[in-house]
Amino acid sequence: MNDVHHLEDALDRMANALQKGAIGDLGGLARDIEAASENLPPMTALQAEGVRRRAARNDACLQAAAKGVRAAIARVTALSAEGLRLSTYGADGRKTMVGTAVARHSARL
């Protein structure tokens, strides 16, 4: 496998990791991509276009993943600050509430 194929393979592996949500694998894959990019021989126009398409696809996936992580952080932060309960679905498909309910105090004089 030549250097261009190593780069294409590394970019494809990163796309697969992003699609599977394997965020922990991204650091190693980024290092693989950097290493494969260091001493590339001259590429044909077709090879360069293939690498460009893969890199653009990965960029879009990384942007979407980052947006999702930011949204999740904002949601958990809001829930924590408000003391609200989080709803999720269990293995049986039923909605389940997680966390504690907000304490309601009556205003008595």
C-alpha atoms as a PDB file:
ATOM      1  CA  MET A   1       0.000   0.000   0.000  1.00  0.00           C
ATOM      2  CA  ASN A   2       1.517   3.336  -0.996  1.00  0.00           C
ATOM      3  CA  ASP A   3       1.520   6.530   1.083  1.00  0.00           C
ATOM      4  CA  VAL A   4      -1.585   7.978  -0.603  1.00  0.00           C
ATOM      5  CA  HIS A   5      -3.506   4.790   0.165  1.00  0.00           C
ATOM      6  CA  HIS A   6      -2.325   4.963   3.812  1.00  0.00           C
ATOM      7  CA  LEU A   7      -3.706   8.495   4.036  1.00  0.00           C
ATOM      8  CA  GLU A   8      -7.006   7.530   2.391  1.00  0.00           C
ATOM      9  CA  ASP A   9      -7.308   4.541   4.720  1.00  0.00           C
ATOM     10  CA  ALA A  10      -6.640   6.676   7.804  1.00  0.00           C
ATOM     11  CA  LEU A  11      -9.248   9.224   6.680  1.00  0.00           C
ATOM     12  CA  ASP A  12     -11.773   6.428   6.102  1.00  0.00           C
ATOM     13  CA  ARG A  13     -11.067   4.943   9.538  1.00  0.00           C
ATOM     14  CA  MET A  14     -11.676   8.349  11.104  1.00  0.00           C
ATOM     15  CA  ALA A  15     -15.020   8.645   9.302  1.00  0.00           C
ATOM     16  CA  ASN A  16     -16.011   5.196  10.565  1.00  0.00           C
ATOM     17  CA  ALA A  17     -15.028   6.116  14.131  1.00  0.00           C
ATOM     18  CA  LEU A  18     -17.091   9.307  13.932  1.00  0.00           C
ATOM     19  CA  GLN A  19     -20.112   7.445  12.588  1.00  0.00           C
ATOM     20  CA  LYS A  20     -19.852   4.905  15.409  1.00  0.00           C
ATOM     21  CA  GLY A  21     -19.360   7.613  18.034  1.00  0.00           C
ATOM     22  CA  ALA A  22     -15.922   6.265  18.960  1.00  0.00           C
ATOM     23  CA  ILE A  23     -14.657   9.662  20.060  1.00  0.00           C
ATOM     24  CA  GLY A  24     -11.829   8.085  22.068  1.00  0.00           C
ATOM     25  CA  ASP A  25     -10.267   6.741  18.873  1.00  0.00           C
ATOM     26  CA  LEU A  26      -9.932  10.166  17.221  1.00  0.00           C
ATOM     27  CA  GLY A  27      -6.615  11.155  18.813  1.00  0.00           C
ATOM     28  CA  GLY A  28      -4.819   8.100  17.479  1.00  0.00           C
ATOM     29  CA  LEU A  29      -6.456   8.462  14.093  1.00  0.00           C
ATOM     30  CA  ALA A  30      -5.427  12.127  13.890  1.00  0.00           C
ATOM     31  CA  ARG A  31      -1.825  11.069  14.558  1.00  0.00           C
ATOM     32  CA  ASP A  32      -2.116   8.396  11.837  1.00  0.00           C
ATOM     33  CA  ILE A  33      -3.395  11.009   9.377  1.00  0.00           C
ATOM     34  CA  GLU A  34      -0.593  13.417  10.250  1.00  0.00           C
ATOM     35  CA  ALA A  35       2.029  10.697   9.839  1.00  0.00           C
ATOM     36  CA  ALA A  36       0.559   9.565   6.515  1.00  0.00           C
ATOM     37  CA  SER A  37       0.498  13.194   5.297  1.00  0.00           C
ATOM     38  CA  GLU A  38       4.111  14.023   6.072  1.00  0.00           C
ATOM     39  CA  ASN A  39       5.960  12.532   3.105  1.00  0.00           C
ATOM     40  CA  LEU A  40       3.356  12.191   0.398  1.00  0.00           C
ATOM     41  CA  PRO A  41       4.629  11.711  -3.117  1.00  0.00           C
ATOM     42  CA  PRO A  42       3.129  13.824  -5.887  1.00  0.00           C
ATOM     43  CA  MET A  43      -0.484  12.750  -6.435  1.00  0.00           C
ATOM     44  CA  THR A  44      -2.530  12.477  -9.554  1.00  0.00           C
ATOM     45  CA  ALA A  45      -5.530  14.779  -9.854  1.00  0.00           C
ATOM     46  CA  LEU A  46      -7.792  11.798  -9.144  1.00  0.00           C
ATOM     47  CA  GLN A  47      -5.884  10.873  -5.969  1.00  0.00           C
ATOM     48  CA  ALA A  48      -5.863  14.494  -4.779  1.00  0.00           C
ATOM     49  CA  GLU A  49      -9.613  14.761  -5.336  1.00  0.00           C
ATOM     50  CA  GLY A  50     -10.189  11.540  -3.374  1.00  0.00           C
ATOM     51  CA  VAL A  51      -8.164  12.845  -0.436  1.00  0.00           C
ATOM     52  CA  ARG A  52      -9.948  16.217  -0.620  1.00  0.00           C
ATOM     53  CA  ARG A  53     -13.396  14.553  -0.595  1.00  0.00           C
ATOM     54  CA  ARG A  54     -12.465  12.369   2.370  1.00  0.00           C
ATOM     55  CA  ALA A  55     -11.055  15.327   4.303  1.00  0.00           C
ATOM     56  CA  ALA A  56     -14.179  17.426   3.583  1.00  0.00           C
ATOM     57  CA  ARG A  57     -16.418  14.550   4.699  1.00  0.00           C
ATOM     58  CA  ASN A  58     -14.432  14.158   7.912  1.00  0.00           C
ATOM     59  CA  ASP A  59     -14.546  17.899   8.541  1.00  0.00           C
ATOM     60  CA  ALA A  60     -18.346  17.885   8.242  1.00  0.00           C
ATOM     61  CA  CYS A  61     -18.580  14.875  10.575  1.00  0.00           C
ATOM     62  CA  LEU A  62     -16.227  16.463  13.122  1.00  0.00           C
ATOM     63  CA  GLN A  63     -18.216  19.712  13.042  1.00  0.00           C
ATOM     64  CA  ALA A  64     -21.468  17.807  13.600  1.00  0.00           C
ATOM     65  CA  ALA A  65     -19.955  15.759  16.431  1.00  0.00           C
ATOM     66  CA  ALA A  66     -18.646  18.912  18.115  1.00  0.00           C
ATOM     67  CA  LYS A  67     -22.058  20.563  17.771  1.00  0.00           C
ATOM     68  CA  GLY A  68     -23.708  17.516  19.347  1.00  0.00           C
ATOM     69  CA  VAL A  69     -21.258  17.447  22.238  1.00  0.00           C
ATOM     70  CA  ARG A  70     -21.784  21.171  22.878  1.00  0.00           C
ATOM     71  CA  ALA A  71     -25.573  20.683  22.828  1.00  0.00           C
ATOM     72  CA  ALA A  72     -25.329  17.764  25.263  1.00  0.00           C
ATOM     73  CA  ILE A  73     -23.135  19.774  27.620  1.00  0.00           C
ATOM     74  CA  ALA A  74     -25.561  22.699  27.493  1.00  0.00           C
ATOM     75  CA  ARG A  75     -28.527  20.414  28.179  1.00  0.00           C
ATOM     76  CA  VAL A  76     -26.897  18.667  31.143  1.00  0.00           C
ATOM     77  CA  THR A  77     -25.713  22.012  32.529  1.00  0.00           C
ATOM     78  CA  ALA A  78     -29.223  23.443  32.264  1.00  0.00           C
ATOM     79  CA  LEU A  79     -30.738  20.397  33.921  1.00  0.00           C
ATOM     80  CA  SER A  80     -28.202  20.484  36.737  1.00  0.00           C
ATOM     81  CA  ALA A  81     -28.670  24.193  37.333  1.00  0.00           C
ATOM     82  CA  GLU A  82     -32.436  23.883  37.474  1.00  0.00           C
ATOM     83  CA  GLY A  83     -32.490  20.660  39.461  1.00  0.00           C
ATOM     84  CA  LEU A  84     -34.810  19.111  36.928  1.00  0.00           C
ATOM     85  CA  ARG A  85     -35.177  15.465  36.228  1.00  0.00           C
ATOM     86  CA  LEU A  86     -33.847  13.991  33.030  1.00  0.00           C
ATOM     87  CA  SER A  87     -36.004  11.611  31.044  1.00  0.00           C
ATOM     88  CA  THR A  88     -34.518   8.742  29.086  1.00  0.00           C
ATOM     89  CA  TYR A  89     -35.679   5.432  27.703  1.00  0.00           C
ATOM     90  CA  GLY A  90     -34.888   2.094  29.277  1.00  0.00           C
ATOM     91  CA  ALA A  91     -34.032  -1.157  27.528  1.00  0.00           C
ATOM     92  CA  ASP A  92     -37.731  -2.017  27.525  1.00  0.00           C
ATOM     93  CA  GLY A  93     -38.531   1.153  25.544  1.00  0.00           C
ATOM     94  CA  ARG A  94     -40.363   2.844  28.403  1.00  0.00           C
ATOM     95  CA  LYS A  95     -39.654   6.394  29.459  1.00  0.00           C
ATOM     96  CA  THR A  96     -37.785   6.647  32.756  1.00  0.00           C
ATOM     97  CA  MET A  97     -37.053   9.707  34.867  1.00  0.00           C
ATOM     98  CA  VAL A  98     -33.531  10.082  36.240  1.00  0.00           C
ATOM     99  CA  GLY A  99     -32.394  12.484  38.940  1.00  0.00           C
ATOM    100  CA  THR A 100     -34.281  14.248  41.662  1.00  0.00           C
ATOM    101  CA  ALA A 101     -37.383  16.320  41.455  1.00  0.00           C
ATOM    102  CA  VAL A 102     -37.274  20.000  42.266  1.00  0.00           C
ATOM    103  CA  ALA A 103     -38.348  20.643  45.840  1.00  0.00           C
ATOM    104  CA  ARG A 104     -41.589  22.604  45.965  1.00  0.00           C
ATOM    105  CA  HIS A 105     -42.157  24.649  49.061  1.00  0.00           C
ATOM    106  CA  SER A 106     -45.462  26.183  49.881  1.00  0.00           C
ATOM    107  CA  ALA A 107     -45.443  29.863  50.688  1.00  0.00           C
ATOM    108  CA  ARG A 108     -47.174  30.000  54.056  1.00  0.00           C
ATOM    109  CA  LEU A 109     -47.278  32.999  56.330  1.00  0.00           C
END
